[in-house]
Amino acid sequence: MDWDRFHFLCRHYQASPGRLLPGGTDCHQEGELTAFGAPLPARSLGAASLRRLQGLPPDTAEPLLSWYGEQDFSPILAPPPRVRGVLLYLSALSLVLGFMMAIYHLVVLPRMREFYTSVEVPGTAPAFAMIEQGSALLGVVVVLLVLVWLLAWQVRRLYRFPASGADSLVLRWMPGGIGRRYRELADLIQVPVAHAVGESPGSATAREYLACCQGRVPGPDLPRLIRRQAEALARRVVLCLQVAVALVGVLIALGIGLFLAGAYSPIFSTGAIV
């Protein structure tokens, strides 16, 4: 989601209260003003917030539109740069590892097995069993690579801030508290609108803020709280990806070790016979 376009629309609708909010036919919702970012997706958090503001009385909606229009969420709600790097790295690693394993099992291993069986090299059976174990472990690594890639891809989707993201099943099963941090951040962004329509936020952080702000919503501390929550989410995301990539690296090293030990054992035995 492009927060620059969201802030622009808030300023635009505050200055032109007769304009339609997302879901109508206002040209400013489309792509003519590209300098203000891409159009808001209909199911994004920003579009949902604007639609909820549409149902408020003008004297209630105007100060909220003014507050949202003065903010700058783009820098603090951008995905960590590491997410894109992990996606590219894991994509390349998965393709290379899968290609090498396929070539070895389809071309190299059958001929190697046939040769060492024909010359009756001792220790061939345990060596090939070790090769199979290493290959199986590398197969597990490929599956794990795909799972980590899916995690990084889902995290990148979360940073588009879909309106229904806080209730998605995938979000509930995300590791490292990512889902909880995201729900708290989404609730804090929507606190002014939720308070105006009389709804109670779902996260404890947003409820605690409402209890402490003494009815001044949005208060001066809300942007700082949103920034801190966004930083906490980014730290959780980066930590989970670092742990996942480190685990993948250990499994790759172990699988390659078993693979090489099994592959070179018959060669050493052949040298001893010669």
C-alpha atoms as a PDB file:
ATOM      1  CA  MET A   1       0.000   0.000   0.000  1.00  0.00           C
ATOM      2  CA  ASP A   2       1.227   3.484  -0.869  1.00  0.00           C
ATOM      3  CA  TRP A   3       0.908   5.676   2.227  1.00  0.00           C
ATOM      4  CA  ASP A   4       1.789   8.814   0.255  1.00  0.00           C
ATOM      5  CA  ARG A   5      -1.431   8.441  -1.720  1.00  0.00           C
ATOM      6  CA  PHE A   6      -3.361   7.829   1.508  1.00  0.00           C
ATOM      7  CA  HIS A   7      -2.063  11.035   3.110  1.00  0.00           C
ATOM      8  CA  PHE A   8      -2.787  12.962  -0.089  1.00  0.00           C
ATOM      9  CA  LEU A   9      -6.373  11.684  -0.217  1.00  0.00           C
ATOM     10  CA  CYS A  10      -6.905  12.688   3.408  1.00  0.00           C
ATOM     11  CA  ARG A  11      -5.760  16.247   2.644  1.00  0.00           C
ATOM     12  CA  HIS A  12      -7.798  16.248  -0.553  1.00  0.00           C
ATOM     13  CA  TYR A  13     -11.017  15.138   1.117  1.00  0.00           C
ATOM     14  CA  GLN A  14     -10.512  17.557   3.986  1.00  0.00           C
ATOM     15  CA  ALA A  15     -10.263  20.452   1.524  1.00  0.00           C
ATOM     16  CA  SER A  16     -13.099  19.090  -0.639  1.00  0.00           C
ATOM     17  CA  PRO A  17     -15.596  17.482   1.728  1.00  0.00           C
ATOM     18  CA  GLY A  18     -18.099  16.982  -1.070  1.00  0.00           C
ATOM     19  CA  ARG A  19     -15.791  14.567  -2.874  1.00  0.00           C
ATOM     20  CA  LEU A  20     -16.454  10.839  -2.800  1.00  0.00           C
ATOM     21  CA  LEU A  21     -14.239   8.513  -0.760  1.00  0.00           C
ATOM     22  CA  PRO A  22     -12.790   5.251  -2.201  1.00  0.00           C
ATOM     23  CA  GLY A  23     -15.536   3.242  -3.840  1.00  0.00           C
ATOM     24  CA  GLY A  24     -16.912   6.259  -5.685  1.00  0.00           C
ATOM     25  CA  THR A  25     -15.846   7.956  -8.911  1.00  0.00           C
ATOM     26  CA  ASP A  26     -13.366  10.598  -7.741  1.00  0.00           C
ATOM     27  CA  CYS A  27     -10.544  10.778 -10.305  1.00  0.00           C
ATOM     28  CA  HIS A  28      -8.022  11.364  -7.527  1.00  0.00           C
ATOM     29  CA  GLN A  29      -8.420   7.737  -6.496  1.00  0.00           C
ATOM     30  CA  GLU A  30      -7.007   6.628  -9.832  1.00  0.00           C
ATOM     31  CA  GLY A  31      -3.542   7.006 -11.299  1.00  0.00           C
ATOM     32  CA  GLU A  32      -3.581  10.513 -12.746  1.00  0.00           C
ATOM     33  CA  LEU A  33      -1.541  12.031  -9.903  1.00  0.00           C
ATOM     34  CA  THR A  34       1.335   9.574  -9.972  1.00  0.00           C
ATOM     35  CA  ALA A  35       3.525  11.945  -7.958  1.00  0.00           C
ATOM     36  CA  PHE A  36       1.410  11.019  -4.935  1.00  0.00           C
ATOM     37  CA  GLY A  37       1.974   7.300  -5.361  1.00  0.00           C
ATOM     38  CA  ALA A  38      -0.046   4.412  -6.704  1.00  0.00           C
ATOM     39  CA  PRO A  39      -3.826   4.266  -6.245  1.00  0.00           C
ATOM     40  CA  LEU A  40      -4.984   2.655  -3.003  1.00  0.00           C
ATOM     41  CA  PRO A  41      -6.079  -0.961  -3.412  1.00  0.00           C
ATOM     42  CA  ALA A  42      -9.748  -1.357  -2.550  1.00  0.00           C
ATOM     43  CA  ARG A  43      -8.937  -3.873   0.197  1.00  0.00           C
ATOM     44  CA  SER A  44      -6.071  -1.949   1.752  1.00  0.00           C
ATOM     45  CA  LEU A  45      -6.050  -0.590   5.278  1.00  0.00           C
ATOM     46  CA  GLY A  46      -5.964   2.993   4.034  1.00  0.00           C
ATOM     47  CA  ALA A  47      -8.961   2.559   1.732  1.00  0.00           C
ATOM     48  CA  ALA A  48     -10.911   0.841   4.504  1.00  0.00           C
ATOM     49  CA  SER A  49     -10.117   3.698   6.906  1.00  0.00           C
ATOM     50  CA  LEU A  50     -11.285   6.283   4.375  1.00  0.00           C
ATOM     51  CA  ARG A  51     -14.505   4.384   3.799  1.00  0.00           C
ATOM     52  CA  ARG A  52     -15.165   4.365   7.525  1.00  0.00           C
ATOM     53  CA  LEU A  53     -14.506   8.097   7.704  1.00  0.00           C
ATOM     54  CA  GLN A  54     -17.089   8.570   4.976  1.00  0.00           C
ATOM     55  CA  GLY A  55     -19.854   7.562   7.355  1.00  0.00           C
ATOM     56  CA  LEU A  56     -18.871  10.101  10.033  1.00  0.00           C
ATOM     57  CA  PRO A  57     -20.380  13.565  10.391  1.00  0.00           C
ATOM     58  CA  PRO A  58     -18.262  16.255   8.672  1.00  0.00           C
ATOM     59  CA  ASP A  59     -17.302  17.939  11.949  1.00  0.00           C
ATOM     60  CA  THR A  60     -15.969  14.584  13.239  1.00  0.00           C
ATOM     61  CA  ALA A  61     -14.280  13.424  10.054  1.00  0.00           C
ATOM     62  CA  GLU A  62     -12.505  16.707   9.246  1.00  0.00           C
ATOM     63  CA  PRO A  63     -10.048  16.743  12.199  1.00  0.00           C
ATOM     64  CA  LEU A  64      -9.244  13.063  11.613  1.00  0.00           C
ATOM     65  CA  LEU A  65      -8.583  13.689   7.920  1.00  0.00           C
ATOM     66  CA  SER A  66      -6.394  16.627   8.917  1.00  0.00           C
ATOM     67  CA  TRP A  67      -4.390  14.480  11.340  1.00  0.00           C
ATOM     68  CA  TYR A  68      -3.865  11.632   8.868  1.00  0.00           C
ATOM     69  CA  GLY A  69      -2.960  14.134   6.157  1.00  0.00           C
ATOM     70  CA  GLU A  70      -0.209  15.640   8.319  1.00  0.00           C
ATOM     71  CA  GLN A  71       1.459  12.290   9.031  1.00  0.00           C
ATOM     72  CA  ASP A  72       4.140  10.561   6.991  1.00  0.00           C
ATOM     73  CA  PHE A  73       3.823   6.802   7.389  1.00  0.00           C
ATOM     74  CA  SER A  74       5.853   5.877   4.309  1.00  0.00           C
ATOM     75  CA  PRO A  75       9.324   5.749   5.958  1.00  0.00           C
ATOM     76  CA  ILE A  76       8.243   3.967   9.134  1.00  0.00           C
ATOM     77  CA  LEU A  77       5.836   1.476   7.527  1.00  0.00           C
ATOM     78  CA  ALA A  78       8.113   0.378   4.692  1.00  0.00           C
ATOM     79  CA  PRO A  79       9.242  -3.289   4.688  1.00  0.00           C
ATOM     80  CA  PRO A  80      12.791  -3.902   5.962  1.00  0.00           C
ATOM     81  CA  PRO A  81      15.265  -4.007   3.062  1.00  0.00           C
ATOM     82  CA  ARG A  82      16.405  -7.447   4.208  1.00  0.00           C
ATOM     83  CA  VAL A  83      13.044  -8.983   3.258  1.00  0.00           C
ATOM     84  CA  ARG A  84      13.572  -8.412  -0.456  1.00  0.00           C
ATOM     85  CA  GLY A  85      17.181  -9.576  -0.226  1.00  0.00           C
ATOM     86  CA  VAL A  86      16.140 -12.797   1.511  1.00  0.00           C
ATOM     87  CA  LEU A  87      13.493 -13.430  -1.147  1.00  0.00           C
ATOM     88  CA  LEU A  88      16.030 -13.050  -3.965  1.00  0.00           C
ATOM     89  CA  TYR A  89      18.707 -15.053  -2.151  1.00  0.00           C
ATOM     90  CA  LEU A  90      16.417 -17.958  -1.282  1.00  0.00           C
ATOM     91  CA  SER A  91      14.906 -18.006  -4.761  1.00  0.00           C
ATOM     92  CA  ALA A  92      18.332 -18.266  -6.388  1.00  0.00           C
ATOM     93  CA  LEU A  93      19.583 -20.817  -3.835  1.00  0.00           C
ATOM     94  CA  SER A  94      16.515 -23.024  -4.234  1.00  0.00           C
ATOM     95  CA  LEU A  95      16.808 -23.031  -8.031  1.00  0.00           C
ATOM     96  CA  VAL A  96      20.549 -23.752  -8.034  1.00  0.00           C
ATOM     97  CA  LEU A  97      20.358 -26.460  -5.374  1.00  0.00           C
ATOM     98  CA  GLY A  98      17.373 -28.149  -6.989  1.00  0.00           C
ATOM     99  CA  PHE A  99      19.033 -28.054 -10.424  1.00  0.00           C
ATOM    100  CA  MET A 100      22.308 -29.528  -9.126  1.00  0.00           C
ATOM    101  CA  MET A 101      20.509 -32.311  -7.243  1.00  0.00           C
ATOM    102  CA  ALA A 102      18.446 -33.191 -10.307  1.00  0.00           C
ATOM    103  CA  ILE A 103      21.526 -33.355 -12.567  1.00  0.00           C
ATOM    104  CA  TYR A 104      23.422 -35.495 -10.071  1.00  0.00           C
ATOM    105  CA  HIS A 105      20.607 -37.985  -9.478  1.00  0.00           C
ATOM    106  CA  LEU A 106      19.559 -38.264 -13.112  1.00  0.00           C
ATOM    107  CA  VAL A 107      22.979 -38.311 -14.787  1.00  0.00           C
ATOM    108  CA  VAL A 108      25.946 -38.782 -12.441  1.00  0.00           C
ATOM    109  CA  LEU A 109      24.715 -41.130  -9.707  1.00  0.00           C
ATOM    110  CA  PRO A 110      23.360 -43.928 -11.971  1.00  0.00           C
ATOM    111  CA  ARG A 111      26.629 -44.172 -13.926  1.00  0.00           C
ATOM    112  CA  MET A 112      28.706 -43.997 -10.751  1.00  0.00           C
ATOM    113  CA  ARG A 113      26.673 -46.760  -9.137  1.00  0.00           C
ATOM    114  CA  GLU A 114      26.955 -48.923 -12.241  1.00  0.00           C
ATOM    115  CA  PHE A 115      30.718 -48.459 -12.452  1.00  0.00           C
ATOM    116  CA  TYR A 116      31.552 -49.157  -8.817  1.00  0.00           C
ATOM    117  CA  THR A 117      29.233 -52.159  -8.761  1.00  0.00           C
ATOM    118  CA  SER A 118      30.861 -53.648 -11.865  1.00  0.00           C
ATOM    119  CA  VAL A 119      34.413 -53.385 -10.461  1.00  0.00           C
ATOM    120  CA  GLU A 120      33.257 -54.649  -7.032  1.00  0.00           C
ATOM    121  CA  VAL A 121      34.836 -51.872  -4.962  1.00  0.00           C
ATOM    122  CA  PRO A 122      34.535 -52.680  -1.229  1.00  0.00           C
ATOM    123  CA  GLY A 123      32.478 -50.293   0.900  1.00  0.00           C
ATOM    124  CA  THR A 124      30.337 -49.207  -2.019  1.00  0.00           C
ATOM    125  CA  ALA A 125      26.995 -49.966  -0.357  1.00  0.00           C
ATOM    126  CA  PRO A 126      27.617 -47.852   2.797  1.00  0.00           C
ATOM    127  CA  ALA A 127      29.010 -45.049   0.650  1.00  0.00           C
ATOM    128  CA  PHE A 128      25.933 -44.911  -1.553  1.00  0.00           C
ATOM    129  CA  ALA A 129      23.727 -45.116   1.536  1.00  0.00           C
ATOM    130  CA  MET A 130      25.555 -42.042   2.833  1.00  0.00           C
ATOM    131  CA  ILE A 131      25.001 -40.320  -0.498  1.00  0.00           C
ATOM    132  CA  GLU A 132      21.298 -41.083  -0.268  1.00  0.00           C
ATOM    133  CA  GLN A 133      21.173 -39.671   3.268  1.00  0.00           C
ATOM    134  CA  GLY A 134      22.907 -36.491   2.147  1.00  0.00           C
ATOM    135  CA  SER A 135      20.564 -36.189  -0.831  1.00  0.00           C
ATOM    136  CA  ALA A 136      17.532 -36.693   1.403  1.00  0.00           C
ATOM    137  CA  LEU A 137      18.794 -34.002   3.757  1.00  0.00           C
ATOM    138  CA  LEU A 138      19.337 -31.640   0.836  1.00  0.00           C
ATOM    139  CA  GLY A 139      15.792 -32.432  -0.265  1.00  0.00           C
ATOM    140  CA  VAL A 140      14.578 -31.372   3.182  1.00  0.00           C
ATOM    141  CA  VAL A 141      16.631 -28.213   2.754  1.00  0.00           C
ATOM    142  CA  VAL A 142      14.854 -27.436  -0.514  1.00  0.00           C
ATOM    143  CA  VAL A 143      11.477 -27.824   1.207  1.00  0.00           C
ATOM    144  CA  LEU A 144      12.673 -25.600   4.065  1.00  0.00           C
ATOM    145  CA  LEU A 145      13.930 -23.037   1.554  1.00  0.00           C
ATOM    146  CA  VAL A 146      10.471 -22.917  -0.010  1.00  0.00           C
ATOM    147  CA  LEU A 147       8.842 -22.486   3.424  1.00  0.00           C
ATOM    148  CA  VAL A 148      11.201 -19.655   4.364  1.00  0.00           C
ATOM    149  CA  TRP A 149      10.589 -18.052   0.973  1.00  0.00           C
ATOM    150  CA  LEU A 150       6.841 -18.246   1.615  1.00  0.00           C
ATOM    151  CA  LEU A 151       7.373 -16.614   5.018  1.00  0.00           C
ATOM    152  CA  ALA A 152       9.376 -13.751   3.497  1.00  0.00           C
ATOM    153  CA  TRP A 153       6.811 -13.359   0.705  1.00  0.00           C
ATOM    154  CA  GLN A 154       3.944 -13.258   3.196  1.00  0.00           C
ATOM    155  CA  VAL A 155       5.800 -10.657   5.275  1.00  0.00           C
ATOM    156  CA  ARG A 156       6.213  -8.526   2.168  1.00  0.00           C
ATOM    157  CA  ARG A 157       2.472  -8.875   1.533  1.00  0.00           C
ATOM    158  CA  LEU A 158       1.746  -7.769   5.087  1.00  0.00           C
ATOM    159  CA  TYR A 159       3.612  -4.534   4.454  1.00  0.00           C
ATOM    160  CA  ARG A 160       1.012  -3.738   1.820  1.00  0.00           C
ATOM    161  CA  PHE A 161      -1.333  -3.535   4.826  1.00  0.00           C
ATOM    162  CA  PRO A 162      -4.409  -5.411   3.616  1.00  0.00           C
ATOM    163  CA  ALA A 163      -7.603  -4.480   5.452  1.00  0.00           C
ATOM    164  CA  SER A 164      -8.304  -8.083   6.421  1.00  0.00           C
ATOM    165  CA  GLY A 165      -4.706  -8.933   7.298  1.00  0.00           C
ATOM    166  CA  ALA A 166      -5.254  -8.833  11.053  1.00  0.00           C
ATOM    167  CA  ASP A 167      -7.778 -11.701  10.820  1.00  0.00           C
ATOM    168  CA  SER A 168      -6.018 -13.926   8.306  1.00  0.00           C
ATOM    169  CA  LEU A 169      -5.161 -17.501   9.249  1.00  0.00           C
ATOM    170  CA  VAL A 170      -1.622 -17.120   7.893  1.00  0.00           C
ATOM    171  CA  LEU A 171      -0.987 -14.174  10.189  1.00  0.00           C
ATOM    172  CA  ARG A 172      -1.962 -16.183  13.257  1.00  0.00           C
ATOM    173  CA  TRP A 173       0.601 -18.890  12.468  1.00  0.00           C
ATOM    174  CA  MET A 174       3.516 -16.575  11.724  1.00  0.00           C
ATOM    175  CA  PRO A 175       6.507 -17.282  14.005  1.00  0.00           C
ATOM    176  CA  GLY A 176       8.289 -14.967  16.391  1.00  0.00           C
ATOM    177  CA  GLY A 177       5.289 -12.867  17.337  1.00  0.00           C
ATOM    178  CA  ILE A 178       5.111 -11.232  13.884  1.00  0.00           C
ATOM    179  CA  GLY A 179       1.350 -11.638  13.727  1.00  0.00           C
ATOM    180  CA  ARG A 180       0.771 -10.079  17.131  1.00  0.00           C
ATOM    181  CA  ARG A 181       3.022  -7.127  16.365  1.00  0.00           C
ATOM    182  CA  TYR A 182       1.278  -6.560  13.043  1.00  0.00           C
ATOM    183  CA  ARG A 183      -2.183  -6.624  14.646  1.00  0.00           C
ATOM    184  CA  GLU A 184      -1.065  -4.103  17.264  1.00  0.00           C
ATOM    185  CA  LEU A 185       0.381  -1.822  14.582  1.00  0.00           C
ATOM    186  CA  ALA A 186      -2.748  -2.034  12.405  1.00  0.00           C
ATOM    187  CA  ASP A 187      -4.956  -1.273  15.417  1.00  0.00           C
ATOM    188  CA  LEU A 188      -2.859   1.748  16.360  1.00  0.00           C
ATOM    189  CA  ILE A 189      -3.124   3.142  12.833  1.00  0.00           C
ATOM    190  CA  GLN A 190      -6.907   2.802  13.007  1.00  0.00           C
ATOM    191  CA  VAL A 191      -7.314   4.019  16.606  1.00  0.00           C
ATOM    192  CA  PRO A 192      -8.607   7.495  15.624  1.00  0.00           C
ATOM    193  CA  VAL A 193     -11.253   6.032  13.326  1.00  0.00           C
ATOM    194  CA  ALA A 194     -12.225   3.253  15.740  1.00  0.00           C
ATOM    195  CA  HIS A 195     -12.576   5.734  18.589  1.00  0.00           C
ATOM    196  CA  ALA A 196     -14.703   8.040  16.436  1.00  0.00           C
ATOM    197  CA  VAL A 197     -17.167   5.265  15.536  1.00  0.00           C
ATOM    198  CA  GLY A 198     -17.220   3.918  19.086  1.00  0.00           C
ATOM    199  CA  GLU A 199     -15.400   0.633  18.467  1.00  0.00           C
ATOM    200  CA  SER A 200     -13.016  -0.974  20.920  1.00  0.00           C
ATOM    201  CA  PRO A 201      -9.661  -1.979  19.354  1.00  0.00           C
ATOM    202  CA  GLY A 202      -8.673  -5.600  19.499  1.00  0.00           C
ATOM    203  CA  SER A 203      -5.049  -5.245  20.641  1.00  0.00           C
ATOM    204  CA  ALA A 204      -3.990  -4.557  24.212  1.00  0.00           C
ATOM    205  CA  THR A 205      -1.581  -1.818  23.117  1.00  0.00           C
ATOM    206  CA  ALA A 206      -4.335   0.210  21.430  1.00  0.00           C
ATOM    207  CA  ARG A 207      -6.673  -0.230  24.413  1.00  0.00           C
ATOM    208  CA  GLU A 208      -3.941   0.877  26.790  1.00  0.00           C
ATOM    209  CA  TYR A 209      -3.298   3.944  24.673  1.00  0.00           C
ATOM    210  CA  LEU A 210      -6.982   4.872  24.732  1.00  0.00           C
ATOM    211  CA  ALA A 211      -7.015   4.479  28.507  1.00  0.00           C
ATOM    212  CA  CYS A 212      -4.004   6.771  28.908  1.00  0.00           C
ATOM    213  CA  CYS A 213      -4.815   9.491  26.371  1.00  0.00           C
ATOM    214  CA  GLN A 214      -7.872  10.703  28.340  1.00  0.00           C
ATOM    215  CA  GLY A 215     -10.072  11.068  25.289  1.00  0.00           C
ATOM    216  CA  ARG A 216      -7.569  13.065  23.220  1.00  0.00           C
ATOM    217  CA  VAL A 217      -7.619  10.945  20.089  1.00  0.00           C
ATOM    218  CA  PRO A 218      -5.506  11.269  18.103  1.00  0.00           C
ATOM    219  CA  GLY A 219      -3.099  12.527  20.722  1.00  0.00           C
ATOM    220  CA  PRO A 220       0.441  13.829  20.222  1.00  0.00           C
ATOM    221  CA  ASP A 221       1.972  10.532  21.359  1.00  0.00           C
ATOM    222  CA  LEU A 222       0.174   8.321  18.827  1.00  0.00           C
ATOM    223  CA  PRO A 223       2.687   8.888  15.969  1.00  0.00           C
ATOM    224  CA  ARG A 224       5.556   7.987  18.308  1.00  0.00           C
ATOM    225  CA  LEU A 225       3.723   4.865  19.441  1.00  0.00           C
ATOM    226  CA  ILE A 226       3.074   3.839  15.821  1.00  0.00           C
ATOM    227  CA  ARG A 227       6.741   4.375  15.005  1.00  0.00           C
ATOM    228  CA  ARG A 228       7.910   2.272  17.963  1.00  0.00           C
ATOM    229  CA  GLN A 229       5.470  -0.502  17.084  1.00  0.00           C
ATOM    230  CA  ALA A 230       6.627  -0.457  13.449  1.00  0.00           C
ATOM    231  CA  GLU A 231      10.247  -0.711  14.603  1.00  0.00           C
ATOM    232  CA  ALA A 232       9.364  -3.635  16.884  1.00  0.00           C
ATOM    233  CA  LEU A 233       7.650  -5.408  13.974  1.00  0.00           C
ATOM    234  CA  ALA A 234      10.660  -4.826  11.721  1.00  0.00           C
ATOM    235  CA  ARG A 235      13.011  -6.253  14.385  1.00  0.00           C
ATOM    236  CA  ARG A 236      10.855  -9.375  14.733  1.00  0.00           C
ATOM    237  CA  VAL A 237      10.777  -9.842  10.958  1.00  0.00           C
ATOM    238  CA  VAL A 238      14.541  -9.472  10.554  1.00  0.00           C
ATOM    239  CA  LEU A 239      15.273 -11.782  13.521  1.00  0.00           C
ATOM    240  CA  CYS A 240      12.986 -14.534  12.187  1.00  0.00           C
ATOM    241  CA  LEU A 241      14.521 -14.327   8.733  1.00  0.00           C
ATOM    242  CA  GLN A 242      18.062 -14.394  10.144  1.00  0.00           C
ATOM    243  CA  VAL A 243      17.314 -17.495  12.221  1.00  0.00           C
ATOM    244  CA  ALA A 244      15.643 -19.213   9.255  1.00  0.00           C
ATOM    245  CA  VAL A 245      18.521 -18.451   6.888  1.00  0.00           C
ATOM    246  CA  ALA A 246      21.068 -19.619   9.492  1.00  0.00           C
ATOM    247  CA  LEU A 247      19.163 -22.900   9.946  1.00  0.00           C
ATOM    248  CA  VAL A 248      19.091 -23.415   6.199  1.00  0.00           C
ATOM    249  CA  GLY A 249      22.846 -22.792   6.038  1.00  0.00           C
ATOM    250  CA  VAL A 250      23.587 -25.389   8.735  1.00  0.00           C
ATOM    251  CA  LEU A 251      21.423 -28.009   7.024  1.00  0.00           C
ATOM    252  CA  ILE A 252      23.037 -27.282   3.660  1.00  0.00           C
ATOM    253  CA  ALA A 253      26.514 -27.697   5.149  1.00  0.00           C
ATOM    254  CA  LEU A 254      25.534 -30.982   6.841  1.00  0.00           C
ATOM    255  CA  GLY A 255      23.878 -32.336   3.691  1.00  0.00           C
ATOM    256  CA  ILE A 256      26.865 -31.427   1.496  1.00  0.00           C
ATOM    257  CA  GLY A 257      29.205 -33.024   4.043  1.00  0.00           C
ATOM    258  CA  LEU A 258      27.312 -36.339   3.963  1.00  0.00           C
ATOM    259  CA  PHE A 259      27.042 -36.118   0.214  1.00  0.00           C
ATOM    260  CA  LEU A 260      30.771 -35.550  -0.352  1.00  0.00           C
ATOM    261  CA  ALA A 261      31.796 -38.192   2.205  1.00  0.00           C
ATOM    262  CA  GLY A 262      29.676 -40.777   0.397  1.00  0.00           C
ATOM    263  CA  ALA A 263      30.822 -39.671  -3.044  1.00  0.00           C
ATOM    264  CA  TYR A 264      34.559 -39.739  -2.299  1.00  0.00           C
ATOM    265  CA  SER A 265      34.618 -42.928  -0.230  1.00  0.00           C
ATOM    266  CA  PRO A 266      34.390 -45.265  -3.262  1.00  0.00           C
ATOM    267  CA  ILE A 267      37.045 -43.206  -5.052  1.00  0.00           C
ATOM    268  CA  PHE A 268      39.511 -43.702  -2.179  1.00  0.00           C
ATOM    269  CA  SER A 269      38.673 -47.401  -2.087  1.00  0.00           C
ATOM    270  CA  THR A 270      39.316 -47.671  -5.819  1.00  0.00           C
ATOM    271  CA  GLY A 271      42.673 -45.973  -5.356  1.00  0.00           C
ATOM    272  CA  ALA A 272      43.620 -48.455  -2.638  1.00  0.00           C
ATOM    273  CA  ILE A 273      42.762 -51.365  -4.931  1.00  0.00           C
ATOM    274  CA  VAL A 274      44.793 -49.932  -7.780  1.00  0.00           C
END
